[in-house]
């Protein structure tokens, strides 16, 4: 298992925060060709946790955990193109689910990843929808 780091926003050093936002932009805005307001303000919320994996001092995989009205919301799950296929997203998901404790966990999965999230106990909880032109499915994992 990869060494998963975690921190709230106010414990991120400036360099790490910059590199995390740069990685998110590289995947979600540039690679997926989806111009949107990636920095949505939720990174600053007191209950938000940032989880990431580094390689040679640089973040290469990331996800964000939000406190979402009694449940945990997982989002911004990504792995740099150069590091895909190594199980890093799985390591991040396992760490995020462990941190959720017995609270329910929700997420909006890109539709092609529904089966992948199903491996962690998530089930579709609504109809497919478009988010910035990309098909997504709301999913929920009941309390552990």
N, C-alpha and C. Protein backbone atom coordinates (compact mmCIF):
# COMPACT_ATOMS: atom_id res chain seq x y z
N UNK A 1 0.84 -1.19 0.00
CA UNK A 1 0.00 0.00 0.00
C UNK A 1 0.88 1.25 0.00
N UNK A 2 0.47 2.22 -0.76
CA UNK A 2 1.20 3.49 -0.85
C UNK A 2 1.07 4.27 0.46
N UNK A 3 2.02 5.15 0.70
CA UNK A 3 1.99 6.03 1.86
C UNK A 3 1.01 7.16 1.58
N UNK A 4 -0.19 7.07 2.15
CA UNK A 4 -1.23 8.08 1.93
C UNK A 4 -1.08 9.17 2.97
N UNK A 5 -0.93 10.39 2.50
CA UNK A 5 -0.83 11.56 3.38
C UNK A 5 -2.21 12.20 3.48
N UNK A 6 -2.47 12.82 4.60
CA UNK A 6 -3.75 13.49 4.79
C UNK A 6 -3.57 14.76 5.61
N UNK A 7 -4.35 15.78 5.26
CA UNK A 7 -4.28 17.04 5.99
C UNK A 7 -5.50 17.89 5.68
N UNK A 8 -5.95 18.67 6.68
CA UNK A 8 -6.94 19.71 6.37
C UNK A 8 -6.21 20.85 5.66
N UNK A 9 -6.96 21.75 5.06
CA UNK A 9 -6.37 22.84 4.30
C UNK A 9 -5.34 23.64 5.10
N UNK A 10 -5.69 23.97 6.35
CA UNK A 10 -4.81 24.85 7.12
C UNK A 10 -3.52 24.17 7.58
N UNK A 11 -3.37 22.88 7.32
CA UNK A 11 -2.12 22.20 7.65
C UNK A 11 -1.28 21.88 6.40
N UNK A 12 -1.77 22.26 5.23
CA UNK A 12 -1.00 22.07 4.00
C UNK A 12 0.06 23.16 3.90
N UNK A 13 1.29 22.78 3.61
CA UNK A 13 2.29 23.83 3.36
C UNK A 13 2.02 24.40 1.96
N UNK A 14 2.53 25.57 1.72
CA UNK A 14 2.24 26.29 0.47
C UNK A 14 2.63 25.48 -0.76
N UNK A 15 3.79 24.87 -0.77
CA UNK A 15 4.26 24.10 -1.92
C UNK A 15 3.34 22.92 -2.20
N UNK A 16 2.97 22.17 -1.16
CA UNK A 16 2.10 21.01 -1.35
C UNK A 16 0.74 21.44 -1.87
N UNK A 17 0.17 22.48 -1.28
CA UNK A 17 -1.13 22.97 -1.75
C UNK A 17 -1.06 23.34 -3.23
N UNK A 18 -0.04 24.08 -3.60
CA UNK A 18 0.13 24.47 -5.01
C UNK A 18 0.20 23.25 -5.91
N UNK A 19 1.00 22.25 -5.54
CA UNK A 19 1.16 21.06 -6.36
C UNK A 19 -0.13 20.23 -6.43
N UNK A 20 -0.89 20.20 -5.35
CA UNK A 20 -2.17 19.48 -5.37
C UNK A 20 -3.15 20.16 -6.32
N UNK A 21 -3.25 21.47 -6.24
CA UNK A 21 -4.18 22.20 -7.13
C UNK A 21 -3.72 22.08 -8.58
N UNK A 22 -2.41 22.12 -8.80
CA UNK A 22 -1.87 21.98 -10.14
C UNK A 22 -2.21 20.60 -10.72
N UNK A 23 -2.11 19.56 -9.91
CA UNK A 23 -2.45 18.21 -10.35
C UNK A 23 -3.94 18.10 -10.66
N UNK A 24 -4.78 18.65 -9.81
CA UNK A 24 -6.22 18.62 -10.07
C UNK A 24 -6.55 19.33 -11.38
N UNK A 25 -5.96 20.48 -11.59
CA UNK A 25 -6.19 21.23 -12.83
C UNK A 25 -5.71 20.45 -14.05
N UNK A 26 -4.54 19.81 -13.94
CA UNK A 26 -3.98 19.06 -15.06
C UNK A 26 -4.92 17.93 -15.49
N UNK A 27 -5.54 17.25 -14.53
CA UNK A 27 -6.41 16.13 -14.86
C UNK A 27 -7.81 16.60 -15.23
N UNK A 28 -8.45 17.38 -14.37
CA UNK A 28 -9.86 17.70 -14.57
C UNK A 28 -10.12 18.79 -15.60
N UNK A 29 -9.23 19.75 -15.71
CA UNK A 29 -9.46 20.85 -16.65
C UNK A 29 -8.75 20.60 -17.98
N UNK A 30 -7.47 20.28 -17.92
CA UNK A 30 -6.68 20.13 -19.16
C UNK A 30 -6.93 18.77 -19.81
N UNK A 31 -6.63 17.68 -19.10
CA UNK A 31 -6.75 16.35 -19.69
C UNK A 31 -8.19 16.03 -20.11
N UNK A 32 -9.15 16.34 -19.24
CA UNK A 32 -10.54 16.04 -19.57
C UNK A 32 -11.21 17.13 -20.38
N UNK A 33 -10.43 18.15 -20.75
CA UNK A 33 -10.93 19.25 -21.57
C UNK A 33 -12.26 19.79 -21.05
N UNK A 34 -12.24 20.16 -19.77
CA UNK A 34 -13.46 20.59 -19.11
C UNK A 34 -13.19 21.89 -18.35
N UNK A 35 -13.34 23.02 -19.02
CA UNK A 35 -13.11 24.29 -18.32
C UNK A 35 -14.22 24.58 -17.32
N UNK A 36 -13.88 24.55 -16.06
CA UNK A 36 -14.85 24.86 -15.00
C UNK A 36 -14.09 25.41 -13.81
N UNK A 37 -14.82 25.93 -12.84
CA UNK A 37 -14.21 26.51 -11.65
C UNK A 37 -13.77 25.39 -10.72
N UNK A 38 -12.58 24.85 -10.93
CA UNK A 38 -12.10 23.69 -10.18
C UNK A 38 -11.93 24.02 -8.70
N UNK A 39 -11.45 25.19 -8.39
CA UNK A 39 -11.34 25.61 -6.99
C UNK A 39 -12.69 26.18 -6.56
N UNK A 40 -13.49 25.34 -5.91
CA UNK A 40 -14.89 25.64 -5.63
C UNK A 40 -15.17 26.18 -4.24
N UNK A 41 -14.12 26.41 -3.43
CA UNK A 41 -14.32 26.93 -2.09
C UNK A 41 -14.45 25.85 -1.02
N UNK A 42 -14.75 24.62 -1.41
CA UNK A 42 -14.97 23.56 -0.43
C UNK A 42 -13.66 23.06 0.18
N UNK A 43 -12.54 23.33 -0.48
CA UNK A 43 -11.24 22.93 0.06
C UNK A 43 -10.96 23.60 1.41
N UNK A 44 -11.55 24.75 1.62
CA UNK A 44 -11.30 25.56 2.82
C UNK A 44 -12.17 25.18 4.00
N UNK A 45 -13.21 24.39 3.79
CA UNK A 45 -14.16 24.06 4.86
C UNK A 45 -13.45 23.30 5.98
N UNK A 46 -13.84 23.56 7.22
CA UNK A 46 -13.16 22.94 8.37
C UNK A 46 -13.17 21.41 8.35
N UNK A 47 -14.22 20.77 7.83
CA UNK A 47 -14.29 19.31 7.83
C UNK A 47 -13.62 18.64 6.64
N UNK A 48 -13.07 19.43 5.72
CA UNK A 48 -12.45 18.87 4.52
C UNK A 48 -11.08 18.29 4.82
N UNK A 49 -10.82 17.13 4.23
CA UNK A 49 -9.50 16.49 4.33
C UNK A 49 -8.99 16.22 2.93
N UNK A 50 -7.72 16.49 2.71
CA UNK A 50 -7.05 16.24 1.44
C UNK A 50 -6.17 15.01 1.64
N UNK A 51 -6.32 14.03 0.76
CA UNK A 51 -5.52 12.81 0.82
C UNK A 51 -4.73 12.71 -0.47
N UNK A 52 -3.45 12.36 -0.38
CA UNK A 52 -2.64 12.27 -1.58
C UNK A 52 -1.48 11.30 -1.38
N UNK A 53 -0.94 10.90 -2.51
CA UNK A 53 0.24 10.05 -2.56
C UNK A 53 1.30 10.79 -3.34
N UNK A 54 2.53 10.75 -2.85
CA UNK A 54 3.64 11.42 -3.53
C UNK A 54 4.60 10.42 -4.15
N UNK A 55 5.27 10.86 -5.18
CA UNK A 55 6.38 10.13 -5.77
C UNK A 55 7.49 11.14 -5.97
N UNK A 56 8.63 10.90 -5.38
CA UNK A 56 9.77 11.80 -5.49
C UNK A 56 9.41 13.23 -5.06
N UNK A 57 8.62 13.33 -3.98
CA UNK A 57 8.28 14.64 -3.43
C UNK A 57 7.19 15.40 -4.14
N UNK A 58 6.53 14.77 -5.11
CA UNK A 58 5.45 15.45 -5.85
C UNK A 58 4.18 14.63 -5.76
N UNK A 59 3.03 15.26 -5.52
CA UNK A 59 1.77 14.53 -5.51
C UNK A 59 1.48 13.91 -6.88
N UNK A 60 1.06 12.64 -6.88
CA UNK A 60 0.73 11.94 -8.13
C UNK A 60 -0.67 11.33 -8.08
N UNK A 61 -1.30 11.32 -6.91
CA UNK A 61 -2.66 10.81 -6.76
C UNK A 61 -3.31 11.61 -5.64
N UNK A 62 -4.63 11.79 -5.75
CA UNK A 62 -5.31 12.71 -4.82
C UNK A 62 -6.79 12.37 -4.73
N UNK A 63 -7.37 12.66 -3.59
CA UNK A 63 -8.82 12.75 -3.45
C UNK A 63 -9.13 13.69 -2.30
N UNK A 64 -10.37 14.16 -2.29
CA UNK A 64 -10.82 15.10 -1.28
C UNK A 64 -12.00 14.48 -0.55
N UNK A 65 -12.01 14.64 0.77
CA UNK A 65 -13.10 14.15 1.61
C UNK A 65 -13.78 15.35 2.25
N UNK A 66 -15.09 15.45 2.06
CA UNK A 66 -15.86 16.56 2.62
C UNK A 66 -16.81 16.05 3.70
N UNK A 67 -17.02 16.86 4.72
CA UNK A 67 -18.06 16.60 5.70
C UNK A 67 -19.34 17.15 5.07
N UNK A 68 -20.29 16.27 4.78
CA UNK A 68 -21.46 16.66 3.99
C UNK A 68 -22.76 16.33 4.72
N UNK A 69 -23.07 17.12 5.75
CA UNK A 69 -24.35 17.00 6.46
C UNK A 69 -24.58 15.59 7.02
N UNK A 70 -23.63 15.08 7.80
CA UNK A 70 -23.77 13.78 8.43
C UNK A 70 -23.19 12.63 7.65
N UNK A 71 -22.93 12.85 6.39
CA UNK A 71 -22.26 11.82 5.60
C UNK A 71 -20.90 12.37 5.16
N UNK A 72 -20.15 11.51 4.53
CA UNK A 72 -18.84 11.88 3.99
C UNK A 72 -18.97 11.90 2.48
N UNK A 73 -18.48 12.95 1.84
CA UNK A 73 -18.50 13.03 0.38
C UNK A 73 -17.08 12.93 -0.14
N UNK A 74 -16.84 11.93 -0.98
CA UNK A 74 -15.55 11.75 -1.62
C UNK A 74 -15.61 12.38 -3.01
N UNK A 75 -14.58 13.10 -3.37
CA UNK A 75 -14.55 13.73 -4.68
C UNK A 75 -13.14 14.02 -5.13
N UNK A 76 -13.05 14.51 -6.36
CA UNK A 76 -11.77 14.90 -6.96
C UNK A 76 -10.78 13.74 -6.96
N UNK A 77 -11.27 12.53 -7.15
CA UNK A 77 -10.40 11.35 -7.17
C UNK A 77 -9.61 11.34 -8.47
N UNK A 78 -8.28 11.28 -8.37
CA UNK A 78 -7.47 11.32 -9.59
C UNK A 78 -6.12 10.68 -9.36
N UNK A 79 -5.54 10.24 -10.45
CA UNK A 79 -4.15 9.76 -10.48
C UNK A 79 -3.52 10.37 -11.74
N UNK A 80 -2.33 10.89 -11.58
CA UNK A 80 -1.61 11.46 -12.73
C UNK A 80 -1.46 10.38 -13.80
N UNK A 81 -1.54 10.77 -15.06
CA UNK A 81 -1.46 9.82 -16.18
C UNK A 81 -0.20 8.96 -16.09
N UNK A 82 0.87 9.52 -15.61
CA UNK A 82 2.14 8.79 -15.52
C UNK A 82 2.15 7.71 -14.45
N UNK A 83 1.16 7.71 -13.56
CA UNK A 83 1.15 6.79 -12.42
C UNK A 83 -0.08 5.89 -12.36
N UNK A 84 -0.87 5.89 -13.41
CA UNK A 84 -2.08 5.06 -13.42
C UNK A 84 -1.72 3.58 -13.53
N UNK A 85 -2.61 2.74 -13.04
CA UNK A 85 -2.42 1.30 -13.11
C UNK A 85 -1.57 0.74 -11.98
N UNK A 86 -1.29 1.54 -10.98
CA UNK A 86 -0.44 1.10 -9.86
C UNK A 86 -1.24 0.88 -8.57
N UNK A 87 -2.55 1.05 -8.63
CA UNK A 87 -3.37 0.86 -7.44
C UNK A 87 -3.42 2.05 -6.50
N UNK A 88 -2.95 3.21 -6.95
CA UNK A 88 -2.91 4.38 -6.06
C UNK A 88 -4.30 4.89 -5.71
N UNK A 89 -5.21 4.88 -6.68
CA UNK A 89 -6.58 5.33 -6.39
C UNK A 89 -7.24 4.39 -5.39
N UNK A 90 -6.97 3.11 -5.50
CA UNK A 90 -7.51 2.14 -4.54
C UNK A 90 -6.96 2.42 -3.14
N UNK A 91 -5.68 2.69 -3.03
CA UNK A 91 -5.09 3.01 -1.73
C UNK A 91 -5.74 4.26 -1.13
N UNK A 92 -5.96 5.27 -1.97
CA UNK A 92 -6.62 6.49 -1.49
C UNK A 92 -8.05 6.21 -1.03
N UNK A 93 -8.79 5.43 -1.81
CA UNK A 93 -10.18 5.13 -1.45
C UNK A 93 -10.24 4.36 -0.14
N UNK A 94 -9.37 3.39 0.03
CA UNK A 94 -9.37 2.62 1.28
C UNK A 94 -9.07 3.53 2.48
N UNK A 95 -8.14 4.45 2.32
CA UNK A 95 -7.83 5.40 3.39
C UNK A 95 -9.02 6.32 3.67
N UNK A 96 -9.67 6.79 2.61
CA UNK A 96 -10.83 7.67 2.79
C UNK A 96 -11.96 6.93 3.50
N UNK A 97 -12.23 5.70 3.10
CA UNK A 97 -13.30 4.93 3.72
C UNK A 97 -12.98 4.61 5.18
N UNK A 98 -11.73 4.33 5.47
CA UNK A 98 -11.33 4.08 6.85
C UNK A 98 -11.55 5.32 7.71
N UNK A 99 -11.26 6.49 7.15
CA UNK A 99 -11.43 7.73 7.91
C UNK A 99 -12.90 8.09 8.11
N UNK A 100 -13.78 7.53 7.28
CA UNK A 100 -15.22 7.82 7.39
C UNK A 100 -15.85 7.15 8.60
N UNK A 101 -15.20 6.13 9.11
CA UNK A 101 -15.77 5.42 10.25
C UNK A 101 -17.08 4.77 9.87
N UNK A 102 -18.11 4.97 10.70
CA UNK A 102 -19.40 4.34 10.43
C UNK A 102 -20.38 5.27 9.72
N UNK A 103 -19.91 6.41 9.25
CA UNK A 103 -20.80 7.33 8.54
C UNK A 103 -21.00 6.88 7.10
N UNK A 104 -22.18 7.14 6.53
CA UNK A 104 -22.38 6.81 5.12
C UNK A 104 -21.48 7.68 4.24
N UNK A 105 -21.11 7.14 3.08
CA UNK A 105 -20.21 7.84 2.17
C UNK A 105 -20.92 7.98 0.82
N UNK A 106 -20.87 9.19 0.25
CA UNK A 106 -21.49 9.45 -1.04
C UNK A 106 -20.44 10.02 -1.99
N UNK A 107 -20.73 9.87 -3.29
CA UNK A 107 -19.87 10.44 -4.31
C UNK A 107 -20.64 10.51 -5.61
N UNK A 108 -20.14 11.29 -6.54
CA UNK A 108 -20.67 11.35 -7.90
C UNK A 108 -19.60 10.77 -8.80
N UNK A 109 -19.82 9.53 -9.27
CA UNK A 109 -18.83 8.82 -10.07
C UNK A 109 -18.98 9.15 -11.53
N UNK A 110 -17.86 9.35 -12.23
CA UNK A 110 -17.96 9.39 -13.68
C UNK A 110 -18.51 8.03 -14.09
N UNK A 111 -19.47 8.03 -14.99
CA UNK A 111 -20.24 6.83 -15.30
C UNK A 111 -19.38 5.61 -15.62
N UNK A 112 -18.29 5.78 -16.31
CA UNK A 112 -17.47 4.63 -16.68
C UNK A 112 -16.78 4.00 -15.47
N UNK A 113 -16.83 4.67 -14.31
CA UNK A 113 -16.18 4.15 -13.10
C UNK A 113 -17.16 3.56 -12.09
N UNK A 114 -18.43 3.44 -12.45
CA UNK A 114 -19.43 2.89 -11.53
C UNK A 114 -19.02 1.52 -11.02
N UNK A 115 -18.57 0.65 -11.91
CA UNK A 115 -18.14 -0.68 -11.50
C UNK A 115 -16.94 -0.66 -10.57
N UNK A 116 -16.01 0.25 -10.82
CA UNK A 116 -14.83 0.37 -9.96
C UNK A 116 -15.25 0.75 -8.55
N UNK A 117 -16.13 1.76 -8.42
CA UNK A 117 -16.59 2.17 -7.10
C UNK A 117 -17.43 1.07 -6.45
N UNK A 118 -18.09 0.27 -7.24
CA UNK A 118 -18.87 -0.86 -6.72
C UNK A 118 -17.99 -1.82 -5.94
N UNK A 119 -16.75 -1.94 -6.31
CA UNK A 119 -15.82 -2.82 -5.58
C UNK A 119 -15.64 -2.39 -4.13
N UNK A 120 -15.95 -1.14 -3.82
CA UNK A 120 -15.82 -0.62 -2.46
C UNK A 120 -17.17 -0.58 -1.73
N UNK A 121 -18.18 -1.18 -2.33
CA UNK A 121 -19.49 -1.24 -1.68
C UNK A 121 -20.44 -0.11 -2.06
N UNK A 122 -20.09 0.71 -3.04
CA UNK A 122 -20.96 1.79 -3.48
C UNK A 122 -22.02 1.24 -4.43
N UNK A 123 -23.21 1.83 -4.34
CA UNK A 123 -24.31 1.49 -5.23
C UNK A 123 -24.90 2.77 -5.79
N UNK A 124 -25.39 2.70 -7.02
CA UNK A 124 -26.04 3.87 -7.62
C UNK A 124 -27.20 4.31 -6.74
N UNK A 125 -27.33 5.60 -6.54
CA UNK A 125 -28.40 6.12 -5.69
C UNK A 125 -29.27 7.14 -6.43
N UNK A 126 -29.14 7.17 -7.75
CA UNK A 126 -29.92 8.10 -8.55
C UNK A 126 -29.62 7.89 -10.02
N UNK A 127 -30.23 8.71 -10.82
CA UNK A 127 -30.08 8.61 -12.28
C UNK A 127 -28.80 9.30 -12.75
N UNK A 128 -28.31 8.84 -13.88
CA UNK A 128 -27.13 9.45 -14.49
C UNK A 128 -27.45 10.91 -14.82
N UNK A 129 -26.46 11.78 -14.67
CA UNK A 129 -26.60 13.19 -14.98
C UNK A 129 -25.31 13.70 -15.60
N UNK A 130 -25.39 14.84 -16.24
CA UNK A 130 -24.20 15.47 -16.82
C UNK A 130 -23.66 16.52 -15.86
N UNK A 131 -22.38 16.47 -15.61
CA UNK A 131 -21.70 17.47 -14.82
C UNK A 131 -20.60 18.04 -15.71
N UNK A 132 -20.78 19.27 -16.15
CA UNK A 132 -19.85 19.90 -17.09
C UNK A 132 -19.64 19.03 -18.33
N UNK A 133 -20.73 18.43 -18.81
CA UNK A 133 -20.70 17.64 -20.04
C UNK A 133 -20.21 16.21 -19.87
N UNK A 134 -19.86 15.81 -18.65
CA UNK A 134 -19.35 14.46 -18.39
C UNK A 134 -20.42 13.67 -17.64
N UNK A 135 -20.81 12.48 -18.16
CA UNK A 135 -21.83 11.67 -17.47
C UNK A 135 -21.34 11.18 -16.10
N UNK A 136 -22.18 11.37 -15.10
CA UNK A 136 -21.91 10.95 -13.72
C UNK A 136 -23.10 10.18 -13.17
N UNK A 137 -22.85 9.39 -12.16
CA UNK A 137 -23.90 8.66 -11.45
C UNK A 137 -23.71 8.91 -9.95
N UNK A 138 -24.76 9.37 -9.25
CA UNK A 138 -24.63 9.50 -7.80
C UNK A 138 -24.56 8.11 -7.18
N UNK A 139 -23.68 7.95 -6.21
CA UNK A 139 -23.50 6.66 -5.56
C UNK A 139 -23.44 6.83 -4.06
N UNK A 140 -23.79 5.78 -3.36
CA UNK A 140 -23.82 5.81 -1.90
C UNK A 140 -23.29 4.49 -1.36
N UNK A 141 -22.56 4.57 -0.29
CA UNK A 141 -22.10 3.40 0.45
C UNK A 141 -22.70 3.51 1.83
N UNK A 142 -23.51 2.54 2.18
CA UNK A 142 -24.18 2.56 3.48
C UNK A 142 -23.15 2.51 4.60
N UNK A 143 -23.60 2.80 5.79
CA UNK A 143 -22.70 2.75 6.94
C UNK A 143 -22.02 1.38 7.02
N UNK A 144 -20.76 1.41 7.38
CA UNK A 144 -19.98 0.17 7.44
C UNK A 144 -20.45 -0.73 8.57
